[in-house]
Structure formats: structure tokens, C-alpha cells
Amino acid sequence: MKANLLGAIVIVFATLASLDAGAVLPDEVLTNPVLEARARAISKELRCVVCQNQSIDDSNAPLARDMRILVRERLVSGDTDRQVKDYLVERYGNFVLLRPPVQADTLFLWLGPAIFLLTAFGGFALYLRKSKNQQVITAPAPLSDEEEAQLQRANEDAA
């Protein structure tokens, strides 16, 4: 019983300890905890150019590993966080940033979703307006005397 409880506790703590590990391998980790924290923060802001939907901190791609090592090398050599990012942007373009700056070449990335939503909303409003105009319900015309007589005879025959 005690062994099972102890095993469960070890598994829980091992799982919790690995939650923030990302894809960083032990041989990449810097001995200086301040530099390592800066490297992790920068790595979370940089896109893996292979995976494209992950940061280099989360990606297991070999290129992401190379980028993580490059970030750490630049920090150890004395670069500021801004200089490290600028170096990688110079090398890979604004695409490497998970949050690219608002510039002429990235304007569509920032405005694209809003333009799409406005276009969809406008199309939906136009559809509703058009369908509302087509669905005008009018009351049927009253029966003529002859039609009422026919209906009366049909009811009498059915009864």
C-alpha cells in the first residue's frame, strides 16, 4: 500500500516537473539560471520555422534545437534579448517571431482576421436581408361563391 502511494507521488511530481520542460534538452540548459531564464523567455517568442505553429521552446525539430543553442550562445556572449531577436529576424525574417511587428509587410497578418470577420458578417447580413424580403407572407384570397359551394358539396359527400 505504502509503495503504491509513494509510486503515485513520484509520478505526480515527475509529471509536474516536466510540464514546463518543452523540448529543451538537458545538454542545452545553461548553468547560469538567469541566462537560462532569459533564453527560455526568448525561445517562447520565436517560431520554429519547420513546425510553424510551435515556439522553438516547444519544438523537437533539429532546426529548433539549433536555434535554441544559437539563442543561448548569443546570450552567453553578452547580447541583450533585443539583440538576440534582431539577429534571428535578420537571419530568418519577421516570420520567426510569434508576434510579428505591425509593419507594411505584416499588416495583412494583423488585419486579415478582422477583414475576414467583417466580410463574413456583411455577407450574412446581406443574406438575411435578402431572405427576409423574399419571405413576405400574404393571406390567401377569399373563396369565391362558386368555390364555397364546391367545398360545401365536397364536405356533404364526405360525411
C-alpha atoms as a PDB file:
ATOM      1  CA  MET A   1       0.000   0.000   0.000  1.00  0.00           C
ATOM      2  CA  LYS A   2       2.761   2.441   1.001  1.00  0.00           C
ATOM      3  CA  ALA A   3       4.779   1.509  -2.096  1.00  0.00           C
ATOM      4  CA  ASN A   4       1.802   2.268  -4.365  1.00  0.00           C
ATOM      5  CA  LEU A   5       1.234   5.633  -2.676  1.00  0.00           C
ATOM      6  CA  LEU A   6       4.917   6.503  -2.894  1.00  0.00           C
ATOM      7  CA  GLY A   7       4.977   5.480  -6.575  1.00  0.00           C
ATOM      8  CA  ALA A   8       1.921   7.640  -7.305  1.00  0.00           C
ATOM      9  CA  ILE A   9       3.520  10.636  -5.570  1.00  0.00           C
ATOM     10  CA  VAL A  10       6.737  10.194  -7.563  1.00  0.00           C
ATOM     11  CA  ILE A  11       4.768  10.007 -10.833  1.00  0.00           C
ATOM     12  CA  VAL A  12       2.762  13.136  -9.982  1.00  0.00           C
ATOM     13  CA  PHE A  13       5.880  15.138  -9.102  1.00  0.00           C
ATOM     14  CA  ALA A  14       7.751  13.901 -12.181  1.00  0.00           C
ATOM     15  CA  THR A  15       4.808  14.938 -14.361  1.00  0.00           C
ATOM     16  CA  LEU A  16       4.573  18.366 -12.731  1.00  0.00           C
ATOM     17  CA  ALA A  17       8.317  18.923 -13.051  1.00  0.00           C
ATOM     18  CA  SER A  18       8.242  18.153 -16.768  1.00  0.00           C
ATOM     19  CA  LEU A  19       5.288  20.389 -17.640  1.00  0.00           C
ATOM     20  CA  ASP A  20       7.420  23.430 -18.434  1.00  0.00           C
ATOM     21  CA  ALA A  21      10.295  21.482 -19.919  1.00  0.00           C
ATOM     22  CA  GLY A  22       9.215  21.965 -23.523  1.00  0.00           C
ATOM     23  CA  ALA A  23      11.660  20.424 -25.951  1.00  0.00           C
ATOM     24  CA  VAL A  24      14.803  21.811 -24.303  1.00  0.00           C
ATOM     25  CA  LEU A  25      17.294  19.024 -23.822  1.00  0.00           C
ATOM     26  CA  PRO A  26      19.490  18.801 -20.712  1.00  0.00           C
ATOM     27  CA  ASP A  27      22.679  19.482 -22.700  1.00  0.00           C
ATOM     28  CA  GLU A  28      21.212  22.804 -23.896  1.00  0.00           C
ATOM     29  CA  VAL A  29      20.461  24.194 -20.431  1.00  0.00           C
ATOM     30  CA  LEU A  30      22.819  26.934 -19.267  1.00  0.00           C
ATOM     31  CA  THR A  31      24.400  26.692 -15.825  1.00  0.00           C
ATOM     32  CA  ASN A  32      23.600  30.343 -15.112  1.00  0.00           C
ATOM     33  CA  PRO A  33      19.917  30.332 -14.059  1.00  0.00           C
ATOM     34  CA  VAL A  34      19.419  33.999 -15.008  1.00  0.00           C
ATOM     35  CA  LEU A  35      20.712  33.450 -18.548  1.00  0.00           C
ATOM     36  CA  GLU A  36      18.695  30.232 -18.836  1.00  0.00           C
ATOM     37  CA  ALA A  37      15.511  32.057 -17.810  1.00  0.00           C
ATOM     38  CA  ARG A  38      16.211  34.732 -20.440  1.00  0.00           C
ATOM     39  CA  ALA A  39      16.905  32.057 -23.056  1.00  0.00           C
ATOM     40  CA  ARG A  40      13.621  30.289 -22.251  1.00  0.00           C
ATOM     41  CA  ALA A  41      11.681  33.562 -22.418  1.00  0.00           C
ATOM     42  CA  ILE A  42      13.196  34.405 -25.814  1.00  0.00           C
ATOM     43  CA  SER A  43      12.664  30.854 -27.095  1.00  0.00           C
ATOM     44  CA  LYS A  44       8.956  31.073 -26.272  1.00  0.00           C
ATOM     45  CA  GLU A  45       8.656  34.158 -28.503  1.00  0.00           C
ATOM     46  CA  LEU A  46      10.375  32.618 -31.540  1.00  0.00           C
ATOM     47  CA  ARG A  47       8.609  30.450 -34.117  1.00  0.00           C
ATOM     48  CA  CYS A  48      10.047  27.151 -35.254  1.00  0.00           C
ATOM     49  CA  VAL A  49      10.451  27.679 -38.987  1.00  0.00           C
ATOM     50  CA  VAL A  50       9.950  23.937 -39.565  1.00  0.00           C
ATOM     51  CA  CYS A  51       6.853  23.370 -37.406  1.00  0.00           C
ATOM     52  CA  GLN A  52       5.469  26.901 -37.878  1.00  0.00           C
ATOM     53  CA  ASN A  53       2.825  26.536 -35.177  1.00  0.00           C
ATOM     54  CA  GLN A  54       5.194  25.989 -32.256  1.00  0.00           C
ATOM     55  CA  SER A  55       7.784  28.043 -30.497  1.00  0.00           C
ATOM     56  CA  ILE A  56      11.362  26.820 -30.645  1.00  0.00           C
ATOM     57  CA  ASP A  57      10.993  26.153 -26.923  1.00  0.00           C
ATOM     58  CA  ASP A  58       8.272  23.565 -27.644  1.00  0.00           C
ATOM     59  CA  SER A  59       9.541  22.119 -30.915  1.00  0.00           C
ATOM     60  CA  ASN A  60      11.535  18.907 -31.223  1.00  0.00           C
ATOM     61  CA  ALA A  61      12.714  19.747 -34.761  1.00  0.00           C
ATOM     62  CA  PRO A  62      16.500  19.718 -35.256  1.00  0.00           C
ATOM     63  CA  LEU A  63      16.418  23.300 -36.586  1.00  0.00           C
ATOM     64  CA  ALA A  64      14.555  24.446 -33.461  1.00  0.00           C
ATOM     65  CA  ARG A  65      17.299  22.854 -31.369  1.00  0.00           C
ATOM     66  CA  ASP A  66      19.925  24.709 -33.413  1.00  0.00           C
ATOM     67  CA  MET A  67      18.018  27.960 -32.881  1.00  0.00           C
ATOM     68  CA  ARG A  68      17.775  27.347 -29.107  1.00  0.00           C
ATOM     69  CA  ILE A  69      21.531  26.729 -28.968  1.00  0.00           C
ATOM     70  CA  LEU A  70      22.138  29.880 -31.018  1.00  0.00           C
ATOM     71  CA  VAL A  71      19.994  31.927 -28.607  1.00  0.00           C
ATOM     72  CA  ARG A  72      21.992  30.609 -25.666  1.00  0.00           C
ATOM     73  CA  GLU A  73      25.336  31.243 -27.404  1.00  0.00           C
ATOM     74  CA  ARG A  74      24.360  34.835 -28.151  1.00  0.00           C
ATOM     75  CA  LEU A  75      23.254  35.403 -24.543  1.00  0.00           C
ATOM     76  CA  VAL A  76      26.483  33.934 -23.166  1.00  0.00           C
ATOM     77  CA  SER A  77      28.469  36.220 -25.498  1.00  0.00           C
ATOM     78  CA  GLY A  78      26.726  39.224 -23.907  1.00  0.00           C
ATOM     79  CA  ASP A  79      23.902  40.086 -26.319  1.00  0.00           C
ATOM     80  CA  THR A  80      20.745  41.656 -24.941  1.00  0.00           C
ATOM     81  CA  ASP A  81      17.375  39.969 -25.506  1.00  0.00           C
ATOM     82  CA  ARG A  82      16.596  42.541 -28.226  1.00  0.00           C
ATOM     83  CA  GLN A  83      19.914  41.875 -29.985  1.00  0.00           C
ATOM     84  CA  VAL A  84      19.272  38.122 -29.978  1.00  0.00           C
ATOM     85  CA  LYS A  85      15.821  38.591 -31.509  1.00  0.00           C
ATOM     86  CA  ASP A  86      17.115  41.108 -34.033  1.00  0.00           C
ATOM     87  CA  TYR A  87      19.841  38.672 -35.074  1.00  0.00           C
ATOM     88  CA  LEU A  88      17.316  35.898 -35.660  1.00  0.00           C
ATOM     89  CA  VAL A  89      14.937  38.241 -37.506  1.00  0.00           C
ATOM     90  CA  GLU A  90      17.834  39.326 -39.728  1.00  0.00           C
ATOM     91  CA  ARG A  91      18.574  35.683 -40.426  1.00  0.00           C
ATOM     92  CA  TYR A  92      15.016  34.303 -40.847  1.00  0.00           C
ATOM     93  CA  GLY A  93      12.810  37.368 -41.329  1.00  0.00           C
ATOM     94  CA  ASN A  94       9.824  38.571 -39.277  1.00  0.00           C
ATOM     95  CA  PHE A  95       8.263  35.145 -39.760  1.00  0.00           C
ATOM     96  CA  VAL A  96      10.454  33.822 -36.950  1.00  0.00           C
ATOM     97  CA  LEU A  97       8.611  35.997 -34.412  1.00  0.00           C
ATOM     98  CA  LEU A  98       5.421  34.521 -32.976  1.00  0.00           C
ATOM     99  CA  ARG A  99       4.159  38.104 -32.609  1.00  0.00           C
ATOM    100  CA  PRO A 100       5.482  39.937 -35.669  1.00  0.00           C
ATOM    101  CA  PRO A 101       5.636  43.745 -35.541  1.00  0.00           C
ATOM    102  CA  VAL A 102       2.945  45.823 -37.222  1.00  0.00           C
ATOM    103  CA  GLN A 103       4.618  46.936 -40.447  1.00  0.00           C
ATOM    104  CA  ALA A 104       3.588  47.323 -44.072  1.00  0.00           C
ATOM    105  CA  ASP A 105       4.693  43.764 -44.899  1.00  0.00           C
ATOM    106  CA  THR A 106       2.909  42.243 -41.880  1.00  0.00           C
ATOM    107  CA  LEU A 107      -0.219  44.391 -41.992  1.00  0.00           C
ATOM    108  CA  PHE A 108      -2.308  41.641 -43.566  1.00  0.00           C
ATOM    109  CA  LEU A 109      -1.336  39.255 -40.739  1.00  0.00           C
ATOM    110  CA  TRP A 110      -2.756  41.721 -38.232  1.00  0.00           C
ATOM    111  CA  LEU A 111      -5.789  42.929 -40.193  1.00  0.00           C
ATOM    112  CA  GLY A 112      -6.590  39.701 -42.060  1.00  0.00           C
ATOM    113  CA  PRO A 113      -8.767  38.118 -39.353  1.00  0.00           C
ATOM    114  CA  ALA A 114     -10.741  41.352 -38.820  1.00  0.00           C
ATOM    115  CA  ILE A 115     -11.259  41.765 -42.573  1.00  0.00           C
ATOM    116  CA  PHE A 116     -12.429  38.161 -42.813  1.00  0.00           C
ATOM    117  CA  LEU A 117     -14.888  38.559 -39.932  1.00  0.00           C
ATOM    118  CA  LEU A 118     -16.285  41.825 -41.295  1.00  0.00           C
ATOM    119  CA  THR A 119     -16.711  40.287 -44.752  1.00  0.00           C
ATOM    120  CA  ALA A 120     -18.446  37.229 -43.277  1.00  0.00           C
ATOM    121  CA  PHE A 121     -20.712  39.409 -41.121  1.00  0.00           C
ATOM    122  CA  GLY A 122     -21.586  41.634 -44.093  1.00  0.00           C
ATOM    123  CA  GLY A 123     -22.357  38.606 -46.259  1.00  0.00           C
ATOM    124  CA  PHE A 124     -24.537  37.098 -43.546  1.00  0.00           C
ATOM    125  CA  ALA A 125     -26.424  40.397 -43.048  1.00  0.00           C
ATOM    126  CA  LEU A 126     -26.970  40.662 -46.802  1.00  0.00           C
ATOM    127  CA  TYR A 127     -28.256  37.080 -46.870  1.00  0.00           C
ATOM    128  CA  LEU A 128     -30.669  37.755 -44.005  1.00  0.00           C
ATOM    129  CA  ARG A 129     -31.953  40.941 -45.642  1.00  0.00           C
ATOM    130  CA  LYS A 130     -32.461  39.210 -48.972  1.00  0.00           C
ATOM    131  CA  SER A 131     -34.201  36.180 -47.466  1.00  0.00           C
ATOM    132  CA  LYS A 132     -36.427  38.405 -45.305  1.00  0.00           C
ATOM    133  CA  ASN A 133     -37.619  40.283 -48.386  1.00  0.00           C
ATOM    134  CA  GLN A 134     -38.421  37.037 -50.191  1.00  0.00           C
ATOM    135  CA  GLN A 135     -40.401  35.536 -47.334  1.00  0.00           C
ATOM    136  CA  VAL A 136     -43.281  38.004 -47.260  1.00  0.00           C
ATOM    137  CA  ILE A 137     -46.335  36.044 -46.176  1.00  0.00           C
ATOM    138  CA  THR A 138     -49.626  37.171 -47.648  1.00  0.00           C
ATOM    139  CA  ALA A 139     -53.064  35.966 -46.681  1.00  0.00           C
ATOM    140  CA  PRO A 140     -54.779  33.790 -49.276  1.00  0.00           C
ATOM    141  CA  ALA A 141     -57.521  35.364 -51.349  1.00  0.00           C
ATOM    142  CA  PRO A 142     -61.042  34.635 -50.078  1.00  0.00           C
ATOM    143  CA  LEU A 143     -63.011  31.855 -51.803  1.00  0.00           C
ATOM    144  CA  SER A 144     -65.458  32.842 -54.487  1.00  0.00           C
ATOM    145  CA  ASP A 145     -69.140  31.902 -54.121  1.00  0.00           C
ATOM    146  CA  GLU A 146     -68.701  29.084 -56.613  1.00  0.00           C
ATOM    147  CA  GLU A 147     -65.645  27.689 -54.760  1.00  0.00           C
ATOM    148  CA  GLU A 148     -67.502  27.822 -51.452  1.00  0.00           C
ATOM    149  CA  ALA A 149     -70.396  25.900 -52.985  1.00  0.00           C
ATOM    150  CA  GLN A 150     -67.975  23.234 -54.268  1.00  0.00           C
ATOM    151  CA  LEU A 151     -66.350  22.970 -50.846  1.00  0.00           C
ATOM    152  CA  GLN A 152     -69.773  22.634 -49.213  1.00  0.00           C
ATOM    153  CA  ARG A 153     -70.760  19.829 -51.622  1.00  0.00           C
ATOM    154  CA  ALA A 154     -67.437  18.016 -51.048  1.00  0.00           C
ATOM    155  CA  ASN A 155     -67.958  18.157 -47.269  1.00  0.00           C
ATOM    156  CA  GLU A 156     -71.535  16.838 -47.606  1.00  0.00           C
ATOM    157  CA  ASP A 157     -70.375  13.994 -49.875  1.00  0.00           C
ATOM    158  CA  ALA A 158     -67.599  13.059 -47.425  1.00  0.00           C
ATOM    159  CA  ALA A 159     -69.971  12.902 -44.469  1.00  0.00           C
END
